[in-house]
Amino acid sequence: MARTYEAVFEQVLMLDVAGDVNMILLALPRTQPVSRSELAERARQISATKQFRFDLGELVDAGFVGAPEANRSARVLHDADLGQPK
């Protein structure tokens, strides 16, 4: 699924969620340099503004992977792959 986001957005950043098999994908409309600390600060602001029950900045601090090299061999998913509704 990450490959599909990479095909649509200019930059995809990844956060590894500690203690879980999930990853959080952040899709950006344009490539821009972003450090872990800058992203964590922005995430903390969003958590406070939106009144999340958790600090998103902590997730960034703990699991920021950055923008890994795109897996070009992975398949891009399309709506047509879902098939026709029954």
C-alpha atoms as a PDB file:
ATOM      1  CA  MET A   1       0.000   0.000   0.000  1.00  0.00           C
ATOM      2  CA  ALA A   2       2.899   2.397   0.649  1.00  0.00           C
ATOM      3  CA  ARG A   3       3.834   2.136  -3.029  1.00  0.00           C
ATOM      4  CA  THR A   4       0.381   3.482  -3.962  1.00  0.00           C
ATOM      5  CA  TYR A   5       0.931   6.576  -1.817  1.00  0.00           C
ATOM      6  CA  GLU A   6       4.399   7.014  -3.332  1.00  0.00           C
ATOM      7  CA  ALA A   7       2.854   6.979  -6.815  1.00  0.00           C
ATOM      8  CA  VAL A   8       0.439   9.785  -5.919  1.00  0.00           C
ATOM      9  CA  PHE A   9       2.338  12.067  -3.538  1.00  0.00           C
ATOM     10  CA  GLU A  10       5.697  13.746  -4.024  1.00  0.00           C
ATOM     11  CA  GLN A  11       6.999  12.619  -0.632  1.00  0.00           C
ATOM     12  CA  VAL A  12       5.955   9.906   1.806  1.00  0.00           C
ATOM     13  CA  LEU A  13       7.365   9.829   5.325  1.00  0.00           C
ATOM     14  CA  MET A  14       7.009   6.839   7.607  1.00  0.00           C
ATOM     15  CA  LEU A  15       6.641   6.389  11.350  1.00  0.00           C
ATOM     16  CA  ASP A  16       7.222   2.965  12.862  1.00  0.00           C
ATOM     17  CA  VAL A  17       4.694   2.393  15.656  1.00  0.00           C
ATOM     18  CA  ALA A  18       6.497   0.808  18.614  1.00  0.00           C
ATOM     19  CA  GLY A  19       4.953  -2.433  19.852  1.00  0.00           C
ATOM     20  CA  ASP A  20       2.794  -2.811  16.742  1.00  0.00           C
ATOM     21  CA  VAL A  21       3.181  -4.034  13.180  1.00  0.00           C
ATOM     22  CA  ASN A  22       1.579  -0.853  11.817  1.00  0.00           C
ATOM     23  CA  MET A  23       3.296   2.076  10.173  1.00  0.00           C
ATOM     24  CA  ILE A  24       1.918   5.607   9.936  1.00  0.00           C
ATOM     25  CA  LEU A  25       2.345   7.156   6.501  1.00  0.00           C
ATOM     26  CA  LEU A  26       2.513  10.927   6.096  1.00  0.00           C
ATOM     27  CA  ALA A  27       1.919  11.946   2.487  1.00  0.00           C
ATOM     28  CA  LEU A  28       3.121  15.379   1.375  1.00  0.00           C
ATOM     29  CA  PRO A  29       2.133  17.180  -1.831  1.00  0.00           C
ATOM     30  CA  ARG A  30       5.718  18.322  -2.442  1.00  0.00           C
ATOM     31  CA  THR A  31       9.191  17.208  -1.428  1.00  0.00           C
ATOM     32  CA  GLN A  32      10.568  19.209   1.449  1.00  0.00           C
ATOM     33  CA  PRO A  33      13.390  18.531   3.866  1.00  0.00           C
ATOM     34  CA  VAL A  34      12.066  17.732   7.307  1.00  0.00           C
ATOM     35  CA  SER A  35      13.988  16.634  10.376  1.00  0.00           C
ATOM     36  CA  ARG A  36      12.721  14.379  13.123  1.00  0.00           C
ATOM     37  CA  SER A  37      12.699  17.257  15.619  1.00  0.00           C
ATOM     38  CA  GLU A  38      10.813  19.604  13.273  1.00  0.00           C
ATOM     39  CA  LEU A  39       8.220  16.961  12.470  1.00  0.00           C
ATOM     40  CA  ALA A  40       7.844  16.077  16.169  1.00  0.00           C
ATOM     41  CA  GLU A  41       7.198  19.720  17.051  1.00  0.00           C
ATOM     42  CA  ARG A  42       4.570  20.041  14.327  1.00  0.00           C
ATOM     43  CA  ALA A  43       2.969  16.799  15.505  1.00  0.00           C
ATOM     44  CA  ARG A  44       2.837  18.065  19.100  1.00  0.00           C
ATOM     45  CA  GLN A  45       1.096  21.232  17.927  1.00  0.00           C
ATOM     46  CA  ILE A  46      -1.482  19.208  16.000  1.00  0.00           C
ATOM     47  CA  SER A  47      -2.085  16.960  19.024  1.00  0.00           C
ATOM     48  CA  ALA A  48      -2.698  19.985  21.225  1.00  0.00           C
ATOM     49  CA  THR A  49      -4.869  21.831  18.707  1.00  0.00           C
ATOM     50  CA  LYS A  50      -7.002  18.780  17.927  1.00  0.00           C
ATOM     51  CA  GLN A  51      -7.011  17.681  21.587  1.00  0.00           C
ATOM     52  CA  PHE A  52      -5.779  14.164  20.897  1.00  0.00           C
ATOM     53  CA  ARG A  53      -5.622  11.837  23.903  1.00  0.00           C
ATOM     54  CA  PHE A  54      -1.990  11.152  23.033  1.00  0.00           C
ATOM     55  CA  ASP A  55       1.069  13.142  21.973  1.00  0.00           C
ATOM     56  CA  LEU A  56       1.674  12.509  18.294  1.00  0.00           C
ATOM     57  CA  GLY A  57       5.114  14.082  18.748  1.00  0.00           C
ATOM     58  CA  GLU A  58       6.137  11.132  20.925  1.00  0.00           C
ATOM     59  CA  LEU A  59       5.295   8.764  18.080  1.00  0.00           C
ATOM     60  CA  VAL A  60       7.498  10.805  15.764  1.00  0.00           C
ATOM     61  CA  ASP A  61      10.363  10.885  18.272  1.00  0.00           C
ATOM     62  CA  ALA A  62      10.175   7.133  18.782  1.00  0.00           C
ATOM     63  CA  GLY A  63       9.542   5.896  15.263  1.00  0.00           C
ATOM     64  CA  PHE A  64      10.481   8.415  12.555  1.00  0.00           C
ATOM     65  CA  VAL A  65      11.858   6.437   9.636  1.00  0.00           C
ATOM     66  CA  GLY A  66      11.975   9.313   7.177  1.00  0.00           C
ATOM     67  CA  ALA A  67      11.441   8.917   3.464  1.00  0.00           C
ATOM     68  CA  PRO A  68      12.738   5.467   2.630  1.00  0.00           C
ATOM     69  CA  GLU A  69      13.607   4.566  -0.929  1.00  0.00           C
ATOM     70  CA  ALA A  70      10.443   3.698  -2.844  1.00  0.00           C
ATOM     71  CA  ASN A  71       9.904   0.009  -3.477  1.00  0.00           C
ATOM     72  CA  ARG A  72       9.541   0.194  -7.263  1.00  0.00           C
ATOM     73  CA  SER A  73       8.837  -3.517  -7.535  1.00  0.00           C
ATOM     74  CA  ALA A  74       5.681  -3.249  -5.392  1.00  0.00           C
ATOM     75  CA  ARG A  75       2.361  -2.963  -7.190  1.00  0.00           C
ATOM     76  CA  VAL A  76       0.411   0.311  -7.238  1.00  0.00           C
ATOM     77  CA  LEU A  77      -3.199  -0.330  -6.206  1.00  0.00           C
ATOM     78  CA  HIS A  78      -6.076   1.050  -8.297  1.00  0.00           C
ATOM     79  CA  ASP A  79      -9.827   1.293  -7.675  1.00  0.00           C
ATOM     80  CA  ALA A  80     -10.370  -1.215 -10.470  1.00  0.00           C
ATOM     81  CA  ASP A  81      -8.502  -3.786  -8.333  1.00  0.00           C
ATOM     82  CA  LEU A  82     -11.442  -3.779  -5.904  1.00  0.00           C
ATOM     83  CA  GLY A  83     -13.778  -5.412  -8.400  1.00  0.00           C
ATOM     84  CA  GLN A  84     -17.442  -4.726  -8.951  1.00  0.00           C
ATOM     85  CA  PRO A  85     -19.808  -4.353  -5.985  1.00  0.00           C
ATOM     86  CA  LYS A  86     -22.256  -7.240  -5.546  1.00  0.00           C
END
